[in-house]
C-alpha atoms as a PDB file:
ATOM      1  CA  MET A   1     -66.285 -52.404  79.366  1.00  0.00           C
ATOM      2  CA  PRO A   2     -62.459 -52.115  79.351  1.00  0.00           C
ATOM      3  CA  LYS A   3     -60.407 -54.314  81.608  1.00  0.00           C
ATOM      4  CA  ILE A   4     -58.798 -52.525  84.543  1.00  0.00           C
ATOM      5  CA  GLY A   5     -55.034 -52.887  84.506  1.00  0.00           C
ATOM      6  CA  THR A   6     -53.480 -53.870  87.810  1.00  0.00           C
ATOM      7  CA  PHE A   7     -49.958 -53.626  89.143  1.00  0.00           C
ATOM      8  CA  ASP A   8     -48.324 -56.836  90.373  1.00  0.00           C
ATOM      9  CA  GLY A   9     -47.594 -55.524  93.848  1.00  0.00           C
ATOM     10  CA  ALA A  10     -46.569 -58.830  95.390  1.00  0.00           C
ATOM     11  CA  GLY A  11     -44.180 -59.694  92.564  1.00  0.00           C
ATOM     12  CA  PHE A  12     -42.597 -56.254  92.604  1.00  0.00           C
ATOM     13  CA  TRP A  13     -42.326 -56.183  96.409  1.00  0.00           C
ATOM     14  CA  LYS A  14     -40.572 -59.568  96.527  1.00  0.00           C
ATOM     15  CA  ASN A  15     -37.847 -58.521  94.076  1.00  0.00           C
ATOM     16  CA  ALA A  16     -37.456 -54.817  94.973  1.00  0.00           C
ATOM     17  CA  TYR A  17     -34.879 -53.093  97.120  1.00  0.00           C
ATOM     18  CA  ALA A  18     -36.004 -50.861  99.988  1.00  0.00           C
ATOM     19  CA  HIS A  19     -35.524 -47.624  98.024  1.00  0.00           C
ATOM     20  CA  GLN A  20     -37.702 -48.987  95.186  1.00  0.00           C
ATOM     21  CA  ARG A  21     -40.392 -49.967  97.685  1.00  0.00           C
ATOM     22  CA  GLY A  22     -40.162 -46.465  99.133  1.00  0.00           C
ATOM     23  CA  LYS A  23     -40.707 -44.920  95.698  1.00  0.00           C
ATOM     24  CA  LEU A  24     -43.799 -47.068  95.231  1.00  0.00           C
ATOM     25  CA  LEU A  25     -45.210 -46.074  98.607  1.00  0.00           C
ATOM     26  CA  LYS A  26     -44.533 -42.378  97.865  1.00  0.00           C
ATOM     27  CA  LYS A  27     -46.478 -42.672  94.605  1.00  0.00           C
ATOM     28  CA  VAL A  28     -49.559 -43.908  96.490  1.00  0.00           C
ATOM     29  CA  ASN A  29     -49.269 -41.017  98.994  1.00  0.00           C
ATOM     30  CA  VAL A  30     -48.037 -42.833 102.099  1.00  0.00           C
ATOM     31  CA  PRO A  31     -46.585 -40.404 104.710  1.00  0.00           C
ATOM     32  CA  ASP A  32     -42.791 -40.501 105.112  1.00  0.00           C
ATOM     33  CA  ASP A  33     -42.863 -41.727 108.719  1.00  0.00           C
ATOM     34  CA  GLN A  34     -44.964 -44.738 107.684  1.00  0.00           C
ATOM     35  CA  ILE A  35     -42.773 -45.495 104.652  1.00  0.00           C
ATOM     36  CA  ILE A  36     -39.823 -46.127 106.970  1.00  0.00           C
ATOM     37  CA  VAL A  37     -41.842 -48.760 108.844  1.00  0.00           C
ATOM     38  CA  LEU A  38     -43.515 -50.384 105.826  1.00  0.00           C
ATOM     39  CA  VAL A  39     -40.544 -50.917 103.464  1.00  0.00           C
ATOM     40  CA  ASN A  40     -39.159 -53.735 105.617  1.00  0.00           C
ATOM     41  CA  LYS A  41     -42.434 -55.637 105.964  1.00  0.00           C
ATOM     42  CA  LYS A  42     -43.580 -58.486 103.748  1.00  0.00           C
ATOM     43  CA  TYR A  43     -46.222 -57.600 101.169  1.00  0.00           C
ATOM     44  CA  GLN A  44     -48.806 -59.769 102.925  1.00  0.00           C
ATOM     45  CA  GLU A  45     -48.276 -57.794 106.141  1.00  0.00           C
ATOM     46  CA  LEU A  46     -49.276 -54.491 104.521  1.00  0.00           C
ATOM     47  CA  PRO A  47     -52.789 -53.193 105.244  1.00  0.00           C
ATOM     48  CA  ALA A  48     -55.407 -54.403 102.759  1.00  0.00           C
ATOM     49  CA  ALA A  49     -56.376 -50.848 101.784  1.00  0.00           C
ATOM     50  CA  LEU A  50     -52.747 -50.032 100.946  1.00  0.00           C
ATOM     51  CA  LYS A  51     -52.359 -53.176  98.834  1.00  0.00           C
ATOM     52  CA  TYR A  52     -55.543 -52.246  96.962  1.00  0.00           C
ATOM     53  CA  ASP A  53     -54.194 -48.724  96.316  1.00  0.00           C
ATOM     54  CA  ILE A  54     -50.902 -50.141  95.030  1.00  0.00           C
ATOM     55  CA  GLU A  55     -52.520 -52.674  92.720  1.00  0.00           C
ATOM     56  CA  THR A  56     -55.052 -50.256  91.211  1.00  0.00           C
ATOM     57  CA  SER A  57     -52.828 -47.167  91.059  1.00  0.00           C
ATOM     58  CA  GLY A  58     -51.939 -47.509  87.377  1.00  0.00           C
ATOM     59  CA  ILE A  59     -48.220 -47.325  88.182  1.00  0.00           C
ATOM     60  CA  GLU A  60     -45.909 -49.167  85.828  1.00  0.00           C
ATOM     61  CA  LYS A  61     -42.834 -51.060  86.994  1.00  0.00           C
ATOM     62  CA  LYS A  62     -40.513 -49.020  84.766  1.00  0.00           C
ATOM     63  CA  GLU A  63     -41.479 -45.857  86.722  1.00  0.00           C
ATOM     64  CA  LEU A  64     -40.020 -47.364  89.890  1.00  0.00           C
ATOM     65  CA  LEU A  65     -36.705 -48.760  88.667  1.00  0.00           C
END
């Protein structure tokens, strides 16, 4: 069984600017009105389901920079 690759959401979130966080949230299909609210929160404050979607989305860091 192959290992599932995960995205380091917490590490990215800590070092990213707001527009980079916004790109990440767009890629996991978060509505625009919620993106505005979520980009300024800490990663731990995000809903668990959203963190799961981010970490298992298959997105690579280079896509967001």
